[in-house]
Structure formats: structure tokens, C-alpha cells
Amino acid sequence: MSTPIPRPGEHLPGARPTVDPAHVREEVDALLARVREGASVPGAGSTDQSVLLEQADLLERAHEVLVQALSTVDKI
């Protein structure tokens, strides 16, 4: 006797969420490249604090992309 085991989220209506690892990697790489770009341009008309704030924002966005991807994978 073989009873199917329900998977998380199978009971939810609509399409199942998917994650494309290549897309996630591409998006994070682009954000990290912008962080590196800002670090390599000393005194480009911005204060050190504004550069750090911009870098922190970009890192936060990269983090959010990764968290969203992990959250989606967790639901699959």
C-alpha cells in the first residue's frame, strides 16, 4: 500500500513558486558589483558617509534577494 505524502504548499491554489538560481546569482552579482564600484571611487564628489550608506543599501538589497529566494524554496 502506497499512500502519497503531501508536500508543503500543495494544498494552496495557484501556480507553485519557482526560483531560478542563475537569475538570483545574476541579480546579487550586479548589486555586489555596484558595491565594489562605489568602494573603488574615492572622493567622487560624495562624502565617505554617503558612499557607505549607498553601499549598505545595496548590500541590504542583495540580502533581501537571497532571503526571498530562500523563502520561496522553503515553500516549494
PDB file of N, CA and C in Angstrom:
ATOM      1  N   MET A   1       0.846  -1.171   0.000  1.00  0.00           N
ATOM      2  CA  MET A   1       0.000   0.000   0.000  1.00  0.00           C
ATOM      3  C   MET A   1       0.891   1.234   0.000  1.00  0.00           C
ATOM      4  N   SER A   2       0.660   2.089  -0.960  1.00  0.00           N
ATOM      5  CA  SER A   2       1.483   3.286  -1.093  1.00  0.00           C
ATOM      6  C   SER A   2       0.589   4.519  -1.024  1.00  0.00           C
ATOM      7  N   THR A   3       0.720   5.249   0.060  1.00  0.00           N
ATOM      8  CA  THR A   3      -0.041   6.474   0.235  1.00  0.00           C
ATOM      9  C   THR A   3       0.863   7.655  -0.086  1.00  0.00           C
ATOM     10  N   PRO A   4       0.421   8.548  -0.974  1.00  0.00           N
ATOM     11  CA  PRO A   4       1.269   9.690  -1.304  1.00  0.00           C
ATOM     12  C   PRO A   4       1.463  10.607  -0.094  1.00  0.00           C
ATOM     13  N   ILE A   5       2.649  11.122   0.021  1.00  0.00           N
ATOM     14  CA  ILE A   5       2.962  12.041   1.110  1.00  0.00           C
ATOM     15  C   ILE A   5       2.722  13.460   0.610  1.00  0.00           C
ATOM     16  N   PRO A   6       1.879  14.209   1.320  1.00  0.00           N
ATOM     17  CA  PRO A   6       1.633  15.590   0.876  1.00  0.00           C
ATOM     18  C   PRO A   6       2.883  16.443   1.035  1.00  0.00           C
ATOM     19  N   ARG A   7       3.111  17.300   0.071  1.00  0.00           N
ATOM     20  CA  ARG A   7       4.249  18.220   0.097  1.00  0.00           C
ATOM     21  C   ARG A   7       3.778  19.584   0.594  1.00  0.00           C
ATOM     22  N   PRO A   8       4.666  20.333   1.241  1.00  0.00           N
ATOM     23  CA  PRO A   8       4.281  21.666   1.708  1.00  0.00           C
ATOM     24  C   PRO A   8       3.799  22.536   0.560  1.00  0.00           C
ATOM     25  N   GLY A   9       2.673  23.181   0.757  1.00  0.00           N
ATOM     26  CA  GLY A   9       2.153  24.112  -0.233  1.00  0.00           C
ATOM     27  C   GLY A   9       1.295  23.500  -1.317  1.00  0.00           C
ATOM     28  N   GLU A  10       1.213  22.163  -1.375  1.00  0.00           N
ATOM     29  CA  GLU A  10       0.410  21.531  -2.429  1.00  0.00           C
ATOM     30  C   GLU A  10      -1.073  21.869  -2.311  1.00  0.00           C
ATOM     31  N   HIS A  11      -1.497  22.175  -1.116  1.00  0.00           N
ATOM     32  CA  HIS A  11      -2.909  22.478  -0.896  1.00  0.00           C
ATOM     33  C   HIS A  11      -3.273  23.909  -1.300  1.00  0.00           C
ATOM     34  N   LEU A  12      -2.266  24.744  -1.567  1.00  0.00           N
ATOM     35  CA  LEU A  12      -2.524  26.136  -1.907  1.00  0.00           C
ATOM     36  C   LEU A  12      -2.908  26.278  -3.374  1.00  0.00           C
ATOM     37  N   PRO A  13      -3.876  27.160  -3.665  1.00  0.00           N
ATOM     38  CA  PRO A  13      -4.274  27.366  -5.060  1.00  0.00           C
ATOM     39  C   PRO A  13      -3.215  28.166  -5.817  1.00  0.00           C
ATOM     40  N   GLY A  14      -3.254  28.060  -7.123  1.00  0.00           N
ATOM     41  CA  GLY A  14      -2.356  28.852  -7.961  1.00  0.00           C
ATOM     42  C   GLY A  14      -1.085  28.106  -8.320  1.00  0.00           C
ATOM     43  N   ALA A  15      -0.292  28.777  -9.090  1.00  0.00           N
ATOM     44  CA  ALA A  15       0.957  28.184  -9.557  1.00  0.00           C
ATOM     45  C   ALA A  15       1.961  28.105  -8.418  1.00  0.00           C
ATOM     46  N   ARG A  16       2.769  27.079  -8.471  1.00  0.00           N
ATOM     47  CA  ARG A  16       3.814  26.933  -7.464  1.00  0.00           C
ATOM     48  C   ARG A  16       4.936  27.930  -7.751  1.00  0.00           C
ATOM     49  N   PRO A  17       5.474  28.506  -6.696  1.00  0.00           N
ATOM     50  CA  PRO A  17       6.586  29.433  -6.903  1.00  0.00           C
ATOM     51  C   PRO A  17       7.841  28.679  -7.332  1.00  0.00           C
ATOM     52  N   THR A  18       8.650  29.335  -8.141  1.00  0.00           N
ATOM     53  CA  THR A  18       9.904  28.729  -8.574  1.00  0.00           C
ATOM     54  C   THR A  18      11.032  29.733  -8.361  1.00  0.00           C
ATOM     55  N   VAL A  19      12.232  29.201  -8.295  1.00  0.00           N
ATOM     56  CA  VAL A  19      13.411  30.038  -8.141  1.00  0.00           C
ATOM     57  C   VAL A  19      14.417  29.629  -9.207  1.00  0.00           C
ATOM     58  N   ASP A  20      14.893  30.608  -9.936  1.00  0.00           N
ATOM     59  CA  ASP A  20      15.929  30.368 -10.935  1.00  0.00           C
ATOM     60  C   ASP A  20      17.266  30.785 -10.317  1.00  0.00           C
ATOM     61  N   PRO A  21      18.085  29.799  -9.927  1.00  0.00           N
ATOM     62  CA  PRO A  21      19.362  30.132  -9.276  1.00  0.00           C
ATOM     63  C   PRO A  21      20.236  31.057 -10.109  1.00  0.00           C
ATOM     64  N   ALA A  22      20.225  30.890 -11.416  1.00  0.00           N
ATOM     65  CA  ALA A  22      21.043  31.750 -12.271  1.00  0.00           C
ATOM     66  C   ALA A  22      20.578  33.200 -12.191  1.00  0.00           C
ATOM     67  N   HIS A  23      19.268  33.403 -12.142  1.00  0.00           N
ATOM     68  CA  HIS A  23      18.726  34.761 -12.045  1.00  0.00           C
ATOM     69  C   HIS A  23      19.080  35.385 -10.698  1.00  0.00           C
ATOM     70  N   VAL A  24      18.956  34.609  -9.629  1.00  0.00           N
ATOM     71  CA  VAL A  24      19.298  35.104  -8.288  1.00  0.00           C
ATOM     72  C   VAL A  24      20.775  35.487  -8.253  1.00  0.00           C
ATOM     73  N   ARG A  25      21.628  34.608  -8.760  1.00  0.00           N
ATOM     74  CA  ARG A  25      23.068  34.876  -8.781  1.00  0.00           C
ATOM     75  C   ARG A  25      23.376  36.137  -9.589  1.00  0.00           C
ATOM     76  N   GLU A  26      22.706  36.276 -10.736  1.00  0.00           N
ATOM     77  CA  GLU A  26      22.924  37.445 -11.596  1.00  0.00           C
ATOM     78  C   GLU A  26      22.528  38.737 -10.882  1.00  0.00           C
ATOM     79  N   GLU A  27      21.392  38.712 -10.218  1.00  0.00           N
ATOM     80  CA  GLU A  27      20.901  39.901  -9.526  1.00  0.00           C
ATOM     81  C   GLU A  27      21.823  40.283  -8.361  1.00  0.00           C
ATOM     82  N   VAL A  28      22.239  39.287  -7.579  1.00  0.00           N
ATOM     83  CA  VAL A  28      23.139  39.552  -6.444  1.00  0.00           C
ATOM     84  C   VAL A  28      24.500  40.022  -6.951  1.00  0.00           C
ATOM     85  N   ASP A  29      25.022  39.382  -7.994  1.00  0.00           N
ATOM     86  CA  ASP A  29      26.307  39.793  -8.558  1.00  0.00           C
ATOM     87  C   ASP A  29      26.267  41.242  -9.038  1.00  0.00           C
ATOM     88  N   ALA A  30      25.173  41.642  -9.665  1.00  0.00           N
ATOM     89  CA  ALA A  30      25.041  43.019 -10.147  1.00  0.00           C
ATOM     90  C   ALA A  30      25.047  44.002  -8.978  1.00  0.00           C
ATOM     91  N   LEU A  31      24.344  43.663  -7.911  1.00  0.00           N
ATOM     92  CA  LEU A  31      24.323  44.542  -6.738  1.00  0.00           C
ATOM     93  C   LEU A  31      25.703  44.619  -6.087  1.00  0.00           C
ATOM     94  N   LEU A  32      26.384  43.476  -5.967  1.00  0.00           N
ATOM     95  CA  LEU A  32      27.715  43.469  -5.364  1.00  0.00           C
ATOM     96  C   LEU A  32      28.732  44.207  -6.229  1.00  0.00           C
ATOM     97  N   ALA A  33      28.560  44.156  -7.541  1.00  0.00           N
ATOM     98  CA  ALA A  33      29.452  44.901  -8.431  1.00  0.00           C
ATOM     99  C   ALA A  33      29.298  46.403  -8.186  1.00  0.00           C
ATOM    100  N   ARG A  34      28.070  46.838  -7.952  1.00  0.00           N
ATOM    101  CA  ARG A  34      27.839  48.250  -7.655  1.00  0.00           C
ATOM    102  C   ARG A  34      28.452  48.640  -6.320  1.00  0.00           C
ATOM    103  N   VAL A  35      28.454  47.718  -5.357  1.00  0.00           N
ATOM    104  CA  VAL A  35      29.090  47.986  -4.069  1.00  0.00           C
ATOM    105  C   VAL A  35      30.596  48.166  -4.275  1.00  0.00           C
ATOM    106  N   ARG A  36      31.192  47.238  -5.029  1.00  0.00           N
ATOM    107  CA  ARG A  36      32.634  47.323  -5.301  1.00  0.00           C
ATOM    108  C   ARG A  36      32.975  48.597  -6.083  1.00  0.00           C
ATOM    109  N   GLU A  37      32.104  48.950  -7.002  1.00  0.00           N
ATOM    110  CA  GLU A  37      32.299  50.152  -7.813  1.00  0.00           C
ATOM    111  C   GLU A  37      32.364  51.391  -6.928  1.00  0.00           C
ATOM    112  N   GLY A  38      31.475  51.479  -5.984  1.00  0.00           N
ATOM    113  CA  GLY A  38      31.444  52.623  -5.064  1.00  0.00           C
ATOM    114  C   GLY A  38      32.664  52.658  -4.162  1.00  0.00           C
ATOM    115  N   ALA A  39      33.185  51.494  -3.809  1.00  0.00           N
ATOM    116  CA  ALA A  39      34.357  51.425  -2.941  1.00  0.00           C
ATOM    117  C   ALA A  39      35.621  51.818  -3.689  1.00  0.00           C
ATOM    118  N   SER A  40      35.626  51.635  -4.993  1.00  0.00           N
ATOM    119  CA  SER A  40      36.838  51.911  -5.767  1.00  0.00           C
ATOM    120  C   SER A  40      36.895  53.334  -6.302  1.00  0.00           C
ATOM    121  N   VAL A  41      35.892  54.145  -5.992  1.00  0.00           N
ATOM    122  CA  VAL A  41      35.860  55.521  -6.488  1.00  0.00           C
ATOM    123  C   VAL A  41      35.961  56.480  -5.301  1.00  0.00           C
ATOM    124  N   PRO A  42      37.165  56.651  -4.742  1.00  0.00           N
ATOM    125  CA  PRO A  42      37.302  57.545  -3.593  1.00  0.00           C
ATOM    126  C   PRO A  42      37.117  59.005  -4.001  1.00  0.00           C
ATOM    127  N   GLY A  43      36.380  59.729  -3.206  1.00  0.00           N
ATOM    128  CA  GLY A  43      36.202  61.164  -3.425  1.00  0.00           C
ATOM    129  C   GLY A  43      35.534  61.521  -4.733  1.00  0.00           C
ATOM    130  N   ALA A  44      34.576  60.738  -5.163  1.00  0.00           N
ATOM    131  CA  ALA A  44      33.888  61.016  -6.429  1.00  0.00           C
ATOM    132  C   ALA A  44      32.750  62.003  -6.211  1.00  0.00           C
ATOM    133  N   GLY A  45      33.024  63.051  -5.436  1.00  0.00           N
ATOM    134  CA  GLY A  45      32.008  64.066  -5.194  1.00  0.00           C
ATOM    135  C   GLY A  45      31.041  63.704  -4.087  1.00  0.00           C
ATOM    136  N   SER A  46      31.279  62.588  -3.406  1.00  0.00           N
ATOM    137  CA  SER A  46      30.404  62.158  -2.327  1.00  0.00           C
ATOM    138  C   SER A  46      31.201  62.097  -1.035  1.00  0.00           C
ATOM    139  N   THR A  47      30.513  62.251   0.048  1.00  0.00           N
ATOM    140  CA  THR A  47      31.180  62.098   1.341  1.00  0.00           C
ATOM    141  C   THR A  47      31.341  60.606   1.623  1.00  0.00           C
ATOM    142  N   ASP A  48      32.294  60.295   2.471  1.00  0.00           N
ATOM    143  CA  ASP A  48      32.508  58.897   2.839  1.00  0.00           C
ATOM    144  C   ASP A  48      31.236  58.299   3.431  1.00  0.00           C
ATOM    145  N   GLN A  49      30.512  59.089   4.202  1.00  0.00           N
ATOM    146  CA  GLN A  49      29.292  58.597   4.829  1.00  0.00           C
ATOM    147  C   GLN A  49      28.231  58.265   3.783  1.00  0.00           C
ATOM    148  N   SER A  50      28.088  59.101   2.780  1.00  0.00           N
ATOM    149  CA  SER A  50      27.066  58.828   1.762  1.00  0.00           C
ATOM    150  C   SER A  50      27.429  57.588   0.950  1.00  0.00           C
ATOM    151  N   VAL A  51      28.732  57.387   0.698  1.00  0.00           N
ATOM    152  CA  VAL A  51      29.171  56.184  -0.020  1.00  0.00           C
ATOM    153  C   VAL A  51      28.856  54.949   0.816  1.00  0.00           C
ATOM    154  N   LEU A  52      29.155  55.021   2.104  1.00  0.00           N
ATOM    155  CA  LEU A  52      28.867  53.891   2.995  1.00  0.00           C
ATOM    156  C   LEU A  52      27.370  53.611   3.077  1.00  0.00           C
ATOM    157  N   LEU A  53      26.564  54.655   3.126  1.00  0.00           N
ATOM    158  CA  LEU A  53      25.109  54.466   3.182  1.00  0.00           C
ATOM    159  C   LEU A  53      24.590  53.821   1.896  1.00  0.00           C
ATOM    160  N   GLU A  54      25.146  54.249   0.766  1.00  0.00           N
ATOM    161  CA  GLU A  54      24.732  53.654  -0.506  1.00  0.00           C
ATOM    162  C   GLU A  54      25.147  52.182  -0.574  1.00  0.00           C
ATOM    163  N   GLN A  55      26.361  51.895  -0.135  1.00  0.00           N
ATOM    164  CA  GLN A  55      26.834  50.510  -0.121  1.00  0.00           C
ATOM    165  C   GLN A  55      25.992  49.657   0.817  1.00  0.00           C
ATOM    166  N   ALA A  56      25.651  50.205   1.972  1.00  0.00           N
ATOM    167  CA  ALA A  56      24.814  49.471   2.921  1.00  0.00           C
ATOM    168  C   ALA A  56      23.447  49.167   2.312  1.00  0.00           C
ATOM    169  N   ASP A  57      22.898  50.139   1.583  1.00  0.00           N
ATOM    170  CA  ASP A  57      21.610  49.938   0.925  1.00  0.00           C
ATOM    171  C   ASP A  57      21.701  48.834  -0.126  1.00  0.00           C
ATOM    172  N   LEU A  58      22.778  48.852  -0.907  1.00  0.00           N
ATOM    173  CA  LEU A  58      22.956  47.824  -1.941  1.00  0.00           C
ATOM    174  C   LEU A  58      23.133  46.441  -1.307  1.00  0.00           C
ATOM    175  N   LEU A  59      23.893  46.363  -0.223  1.00  0.00           N
ATOM    176  CA  LEU A  59      24.066  45.084   0.467  1.00  0.00           C
ATOM    177  C   LEU A  59      22.752  44.590   1.059  1.00  0.00           C
ATOM    178  N   GLU A  60      21.960  45.519   1.575  1.00  0.00           N
ATOM    179  CA  GLU A  60      20.649  45.150   2.115  1.00  0.00           C
ATOM    180  C   GLU A  60      19.756  44.603   1.005  1.00  0.00           C
ATOM    181  N   ARG A  61      19.811  45.211  -0.169  1.00  0.00           N
ATOM    182  CA  ARG A  61      19.013  44.734  -1.298  1.00  0.00           C
ATOM    183  C   ARG A  61      19.470  43.353  -1.749  1.00  0.00           C
ATOM    184  N   ALA A  62      20.786  43.126  -1.784  1.00  0.00           N
ATOM    185  CA  ALA A  62      21.304  41.802  -2.144  1.00  0.00           C
ATOM    186  C   ALA A  62      20.858  40.769  -1.115  1.00  0.00           C
ATOM    187  N   HIS A  63      20.890  41.154   0.138  1.00  0.00           N
ATOM    188  CA  HIS A  63      20.436  40.264   1.206  1.00  0.00           C
ATOM    189  C   HIS A  63      18.964  39.921   1.027  1.00  0.00           C
ATOM    190  N   GLU A  64      18.170  40.907   0.695  1.00  0.00           N
ATOM    191  CA  GLU A  64      16.728  40.689   0.510  1.00  0.00           C
ATOM    192  C   GLU A  64      16.460  39.739  -0.667  1.00  0.00           C
ATOM    193  N   VAL A  65      17.234  39.867  -1.736  1.00  0.00           N
ATOM    194  CA  VAL A  65      17.085  38.950  -2.880  1.00  0.00           C
ATOM    195  C   VAL A  65      17.336  37.512  -2.419  1.00  0.00           C
ATOM    196  N   LEU A  66      18.390  37.324  -1.635  1.00  0.00           N
ATOM    197  CA  LEU A  66      18.716  35.981  -1.141  1.00  0.00           C
ATOM    198  C   LEU A  66      17.657  35.460  -0.168  1.00  0.00           C
ATOM    199  N   VAL A  67      17.175  36.321   0.703  1.00  0.00           N
ATOM    200  CA  VAL A  67      16.138  35.906   1.660  1.00  0.00           C
ATOM    201  C   VAL A  67      14.864  35.503   0.923  1.00  0.00           C
ATOM    202  N   GLN A  68      14.483  36.289  -0.084  1.00  0.00           N
ATOM    203  CA  GLN A  68      13.279  35.963  -0.862  1.00  0.00           C
ATOM    204  C   GLN A  68      13.441  34.626  -1.579  1.00  0.00           C
ATOM    205  N   ALA A  69      14.623  34.391  -2.146  1.00  0.00           N
ATOM    206  CA  ALA A  69      14.864  33.128  -2.841  1.00  0.00           C
ATOM    207  C   ALA A  69      14.771  31.957  -1.866  1.00  0.00           C
ATOM    208  N   LEU A  70      15.382  32.107  -0.703  1.00  0.00           N
ATOM    209  CA  LEU A  70      15.319  31.031   0.297  1.00  0.00           C
ATOM    210  C   LEU A  70      13.887  30.810   0.789  1.00  0.00           C
ATOM    211  N   SER A  71      13.165  31.892   0.962  1.00  0.00           N
ATOM    212  CA  SER A  71      11.765  31.789   1.399  1.00  0.00           C
ATOM    213  C   SER A  71      10.929  31.044   0.365  1.00  0.00           C
ATOM    214  N   THR A  72      11.165  31.343  -0.901  1.00  0.00           N
ATOM    215  CA  THR A  72      10.424  30.674  -1.974  1.00  0.00           C
ATOM    216  C   THR A  72      10.777  29.197  -2.021  1.00  0.00           C
ATOM    217  N   VAL A  73      12.054  28.890  -1.904  1.00  0.00           N
ATOM    218  CA  VAL A  73      12.491  27.489  -1.938  1.00  0.00           C
ATOM    219  C   VAL A  73      11.892  26.739  -0.754  1.00  0.00           C
ATOM    220  N   ASP A  74      11.807  27.397   0.378  1.00  0.00           N
ATOM    221  CA  ASP A  74      11.245  26.766   1.568  1.00  0.00           C
ATOM    222  C   ASP A  74       9.778  26.399   1.363  1.00  0.00           C
ATOM    223  N   LYS A  75       9.064  27.148   0.528  1.00  0.00           N
ATOM    224  CA  LYS A  75       7.655  26.905   0.272  1.00  0.00           C
ATOM    225  C   LYS A  75       7.415  25.817  -0.765  1.00  0.00           C
ATOM    226  N   ILE A  76       8.453  25.500  -1.533  1.00  0.00           N
ATOM    227  CA  ILE A  76       8.288  24.516  -2.613  1.00  0.00           C
ATOM    228  C   ILE A  76       8.190  23.116  -2.035  1.00  0.00           C
TER     229      ILE A  76
END
